[in-house]
Amino acid sequence: MSITKIDELINLPGWETRKKILELLNDGPKTAYELARVLNMNYSTIRYHLELLNKFGLVNIKKGRKYYYELTRNAKILMSS
């Protein structure tokens, strides 16, 4: 992922929410429902942010009985800086 894309994502409305999601996923994979409950936000709002994070290459989706979201290697690098 390029710096330009990161800047674009950060400048979109809702970055603070996405940052909180990334911080929670830094502890391990979670479902959208788990994230919505912890952040006290609507499930569809969380899904919207997760889709954006996935589009920008910061979150992977593990499909099984439930959908789990986890940080990509790029996201882990971003979170450590």
C-alpha atoms as a PDB file:
ATOM      1  CA  MET A   1       0.000   0.000   0.000  1.00  0.00           C
ATOM      2  CA  SER A   2       1.311   3.411  -0.887  1.00  0.00           C
ATOM      3  CA  ILE A   3       1.562   6.447   1.360  1.00  0.00           C
ATOM      4  CA  THR A   4      -0.899   8.215  -0.950  1.00  0.00           C
ATOM      5  CA  LYS A   5      -3.570   5.606  -0.246  1.00  0.00           C
ATOM      6  CA  ILE A   6      -2.974   5.823   3.504  1.00  0.00           C
ATOM      7  CA  ASP A   7      -3.303   9.612   3.349  1.00  0.00           C
ATOM      8  CA  GLU A   8      -6.522   9.235   1.362  1.00  0.00           C
ATOM      9  CA  LEU A   9      -7.953   6.839   3.947  1.00  0.00           C
ATOM     10  CA  ILE A  10      -6.927   9.023   6.881  1.00  0.00           C
ATOM     11  CA  ASN A  11      -8.492  12.100   5.294  1.00  0.00           C
ATOM     12  CA  LEU A  12     -11.853  10.417   4.682  1.00  0.00           C
ATOM     13  CA  PRO A  13     -14.531  11.139   7.295  1.00  0.00           C
ATOM     14  CA  GLY A  14     -14.620   8.533  10.065  1.00  0.00           C
ATOM     15  CA  TRP A  15     -10.876   7.979  10.480  1.00  0.00           C
ATOM     16  CA  GLU A  16     -11.149   8.025  14.297  1.00  0.00           C
ATOM     17  CA  THR A  17     -13.643   5.144  14.171  1.00  0.00           C
ATOM     18  CA  ARG A  18     -11.445   3.169  11.770  1.00  0.00           C
ATOM     19  CA  LYS A  19      -8.448   3.820  14.015  1.00  0.00           C
ATOM     20  CA  LYS A  20     -10.364   2.364  16.997  1.00  0.00           C
ATOM     21  CA  ILE A  21     -11.284  -0.682  14.918  1.00  0.00           C
ATOM     22  CA  LEU A  22      -7.633  -1.204  13.958  1.00  0.00           C
ATOM     23  CA  GLU A  23      -6.599  -0.890  17.612  1.00  0.00           C
ATOM     24  CA  LEU A  24      -9.139  -3.546  18.636  1.00  0.00           C
ATOM     25  CA  LEU A  25      -8.083  -5.872  15.824  1.00  0.00           C
ATOM     26  CA  ASN A  26      -4.475  -5.469  16.915  1.00  0.00           C
ATOM     27  CA  ASP A  27      -5.433  -7.759  19.837  1.00  0.00           C
ATOM     28  CA  GLY A  28      -6.631 -10.470  17.442  1.00  0.00           C
ATOM     29  CA  PRO A  29      -9.396 -11.331  14.961  1.00  0.00           C
ATOM     30  CA  LYS A  30     -12.944 -10.235  15.778  1.00  0.00           C
ATOM     31  CA  THR A  31     -16.372 -10.317  14.178  1.00  0.00           C
ATOM     32  CA  ALA A  32     -18.189  -7.163  13.147  1.00  0.00           C
ATOM     33  CA  TYR A  33     -20.730  -7.852  15.911  1.00  0.00           C
ATOM     34  CA  GLU A  34     -17.983  -7.984  18.544  1.00  0.00           C
ATOM     35  CA  LEU A  35     -16.543  -4.707  17.298  1.00  0.00           C
ATOM     36  CA  ALA A  36     -19.981  -3.066  17.206  1.00  0.00           C
ATOM     37  CA  ARG A  37     -20.669  -4.133  20.784  1.00  0.00           C
ATOM     38  CA  VAL A  38     -17.310  -2.902  22.132  1.00  0.00           C
ATOM     39  CA  LEU A  39     -17.515   0.415  20.268  1.00  0.00           C
ATOM     40  CA  ASN A  40     -21.229   0.820  21.054  1.00  0.00           C
ATOM     41  CA  MET A  41     -21.967   1.442  17.389  1.00  0.00           C
ATOM     42  CA  ASN A  42     -24.417   0.139  14.814  1.00  0.00           C
ATOM     43  CA  TYR A  43     -23.374  -3.116  13.107  1.00  0.00           C
ATOM     44  CA  SER A  44     -23.864  -1.674   9.602  1.00  0.00           C
ATOM     45  CA  THR A  45     -21.625   1.297  10.451  1.00  0.00           C
ATOM     46  CA  ILE A  46     -18.872  -1.054  11.596  1.00  0.00           C
ATOM     47  CA  ARG A  47     -19.277  -3.156   8.433  1.00  0.00           C
ATOM     48  CA  TYR A  48     -18.936  -0.014   6.293  1.00  0.00           C
ATOM     49  CA  HIS A  49     -15.652   0.874   8.000  1.00  0.00           C
ATOM     50  CA  LEU A  50     -14.399  -2.718   7.769  1.00  0.00           C
ATOM     51  CA  GLU A  51     -15.126  -2.767   4.037  1.00  0.00           C
ATOM     52  CA  LEU A  52     -13.130   0.449   3.585  1.00  0.00           C
ATOM     53  CA  LEU A  53     -10.240  -0.952   5.628  1.00  0.00           C
ATOM     54  CA  ASN A  54     -10.367  -4.115   3.517  1.00  0.00           C
ATOM     55  CA  LYS A  55     -10.421  -2.094   0.295  1.00  0.00           C
ATOM     56  CA  PHE A  56      -7.304  -0.205   1.407  1.00  0.00           C
ATOM     57  CA  GLY A  57      -5.520  -3.448   2.339  1.00  0.00           C
ATOM     58  CA  LEU A  58      -5.486  -3.025   6.106  1.00  0.00           C
ATOM     59  CA  VAL A  59      -7.973  -5.757   7.071  1.00  0.00           C
ATOM     60  CA  ASN A  60      -8.418  -9.338   5.857  1.00  0.00           C
ATOM     61  CA  ILE A  61     -11.669 -11.262   6.087  1.00  0.00           C
ATOM     62  CA  LYS A  62     -11.574 -14.878   7.301  1.00  0.00           C
ATOM     63  CA  LYS A  63     -14.750 -16.562   6.108  1.00  0.00           C
ATOM     64  CA  GLY A  64     -16.119 -19.519   7.990  1.00  0.00           C
ATOM     65  CA  ARG A  65     -19.222 -20.035  10.049  1.00  0.00           C
ATOM     66  CA  LYS A  66     -18.700 -16.400  11.030  1.00  0.00           C
ATOM     67  CA  TYR A  67     -16.749 -13.669   9.301  1.00  0.00           C
ATOM     68  CA  TYR A  68     -13.673 -12.693  11.276  1.00  0.00           C
ATOM     69  CA  TYR A  69     -11.683  -9.586  10.529  1.00  0.00           C
ATOM     70  CA  GLU A  70      -7.953  -9.398  11.161  1.00  0.00           C
ATOM     71  CA  LEU A  71      -5.147  -6.965  10.497  1.00  0.00           C
ATOM     72  CA  THR A  72      -2.947  -7.397   7.460  1.00  0.00           C
ATOM     73  CA  ARG A  73       0.808  -7.183   7.705  1.00  0.00           C
ATOM     74  CA  ASN A  74       0.618  -3.606   6.372  1.00  0.00           C
ATOM     75  CA  ALA A  75      -1.810  -2.653   9.117  1.00  0.00           C
ATOM     76  CA  LYS A  76       0.452  -4.139  11.777  1.00  0.00           C
ATOM     77  CA  ILE A  77       3.325  -2.052  10.439  1.00  0.00           C
ATOM     78  CA  LEU A  78       1.115   1.054  10.452  1.00  0.00           C
ATOM     79  CA  MET A  79      -0.036   0.345  14.014  1.00  0.00           C
ATOM     80  CA  SER A  80       3.526  -0.092  15.275  1.00  0.00           C
ATOM     81  CA  SER A  81       4.658   3.304  13.986  1.00  0.00           C
END
